[in-house]
Amino acid sequence: MKLDAYSEIFLWNKNVDTLIRVLQRMEMLGIQSKEEIKVHELRLEEIRAALNADFSEAMFVRERGDHSRLNEQRTAWEQKKTHREEGSSLN
């Protein structure tokens, strides 16, 4: 699941880059003026930044949750192992 999320955000950013290059080629073909193309590029970059920020925030929350959960599991495992070792050394 984690890999899927990072893969999707990678594809999102790659495709935004592709769209910007398409806009730049459209400008060279004279389809729209440089100013009009720049407005479209800025819109795409604004949308990209917003989605990347939302993604980063969501992943931060997930990663913090994973870290906390895994830390608790590791600590419990280490404590259990220590208790077993202490019990076997008493015999």
Protein backbone atom coordinates (compact mmCIF):
# COMPACT_ATOMS: atom_id res chain seq x y z
CA MET A 1 0.00 0.00 0.00
CA LYS A 2 2.77 2.44 0.92
CA LEU A 3 4.58 1.76 -2.35
CA ASP A 4 1.33 2.33 -4.25
CA ALA A 5 0.87 5.78 -2.72
CA TYR A 6 4.44 6.85 -3.51
CA SER A 7 4.17 5.41 -7.02
CA GLU A 8 0.98 7.35 -7.69
CA ILE A 9 2.42 10.66 -6.50
CA PHE A 10 5.48 10.01 -8.68
CA LEU A 11 3.23 9.39 -11.70
CA TRP A 12 1.18 12.49 -10.87
CA ASN A 13 4.29 14.68 -10.86
CA LYS A 14 5.68 13.05 -14.00
CA ASN A 15 2.41 13.64 -15.83
CA VAL A 16 2.22 17.27 -14.72
CA ASP A 17 5.72 17.72 -16.16
CA THR A 18 4.48 16.18 -19.41
CA LEU A 19 1.49 18.52 -19.51
CA ILE A 20 3.74 21.53 -19.01
CA ARG A 21 5.94 20.40 -21.91
CA VAL A 22 2.81 20.03 -24.08
CA LEU A 23 1.81 23.58 -23.20
CA GLN A 24 5.28 24.82 -24.12
CA ARG A 25 5.08 23.07 -27.49
CA MET A 26 1.65 24.60 -28.04
CA GLU A 27 3.20 28.01 -27.46
CA MET A 28 5.90 27.29 -30.06
CA LEU A 29 3.18 26.31 -32.52
CA GLY A 30 1.47 29.64 -31.92
CA ILE A 31 -1.72 28.09 -30.54
CA GLN A 32 -1.76 30.53 -27.63
CA SER A 33 0.38 33.45 -26.58
CA LYS A 34 3.29 33.07 -24.18
CA GLU A 35 1.29 34.90 -21.49
CA GLU A 36 -1.74 32.63 -21.87
CA ILE A 37 0.43 29.52 -21.74
CA LYS A 38 2.20 30.85 -18.64
CA VAL A 39 -1.16 31.21 -16.86
CA HIS A 40 -1.99 27.58 -17.66
CA GLU A 41 1.46 26.45 -16.47
CA LEU A 42 1.01 28.34 -13.21
CA ARG A 43 -2.40 26.73 -12.69
CA LEU A 44 -0.90 23.28 -13.17
CA GLU A 45 1.97 24.07 -10.80
CA GLU A 46 -0.47 25.43 -8.22
CA ILE A 47 -2.60 22.29 -8.41
CA ARG A 48 0.52 20.12 -8.24
CA ALA A 49 1.81 21.95 -5.16
CA ALA A 50 -1.55 21.65 -3.40
CA LEU A 51 -1.86 17.93 -4.08
CA ASN A 52 1.78 17.29 -3.13
CA ALA A 53 1.26 19.18 0.14
CA ASP A 54 -1.89 17.17 0.91
CA PHE A 55 -0.07 13.95 0.05
CA SER A 56 2.89 14.89 2.24
CA GLU A 57 0.65 15.68 5.19
CA ALA A 58 -1.30 12.44 4.81
CA MET A 59 1.88 10.38 4.49
CA PHE A 60 3.41 12.15 7.49
CA VAL A 61 0.44 11.08 9.63
CA ARG A 62 0.63 7.51 8.32
CA GLU A 63 4.40 7.29 8.76
CA ARG A 64 4.18 8.65 12.33
CA GLY A 65 1.48 6.10 13.09
CA ASP A 66 3.58 3.30 11.60
CA HIS A 67 6.62 4.45 13.55
CA SER A 68 4.72 4.51 16.83
CA ARG A 69 3.11 1.11 16.24
CA LEU A 70 6.37 -0.52 15.17
CA ASN A 71 8.26 1.04 18.06
CA GLU A 72 5.73 -0.41 20.50
CA GLN A 73 5.98 -3.83 18.87
CA ARG A 74 9.78 -3.79 18.97
CA THR A 75 9.84 -2.65 22.60
CA ALA A 76 7.37 -5.36 23.63
CA TRP A 77 9.39 -7.99 21.78
CA GLU A 78 12.63 -6.84 23.42
CA GLN A 79 11.03 -6.89 26.87
CA LYS A 80 9.64 -10.37 26.27
CA LYS A 81 13.05 -11.57 25.11
CA THR A 82 14.77 -10.00 28.15
CA HIS A 83 12.30 -11.68 30.52
CA ARG A 84 12.89 -15.06 28.85
CA GLU A 85 16.65 -14.64 29.09
CA GLU A 86 16.41 -13.65 32.76
CA GLY A 87 14.22 -16.66 33.46
CA SER A 88 16.62 -19.08 31.76
CA SER A 89 19.66 -17.67 33.60
CA LEU A 90 17.98 -18.34 36.96
CA ASN A 91 17.81 -22.08 36.26
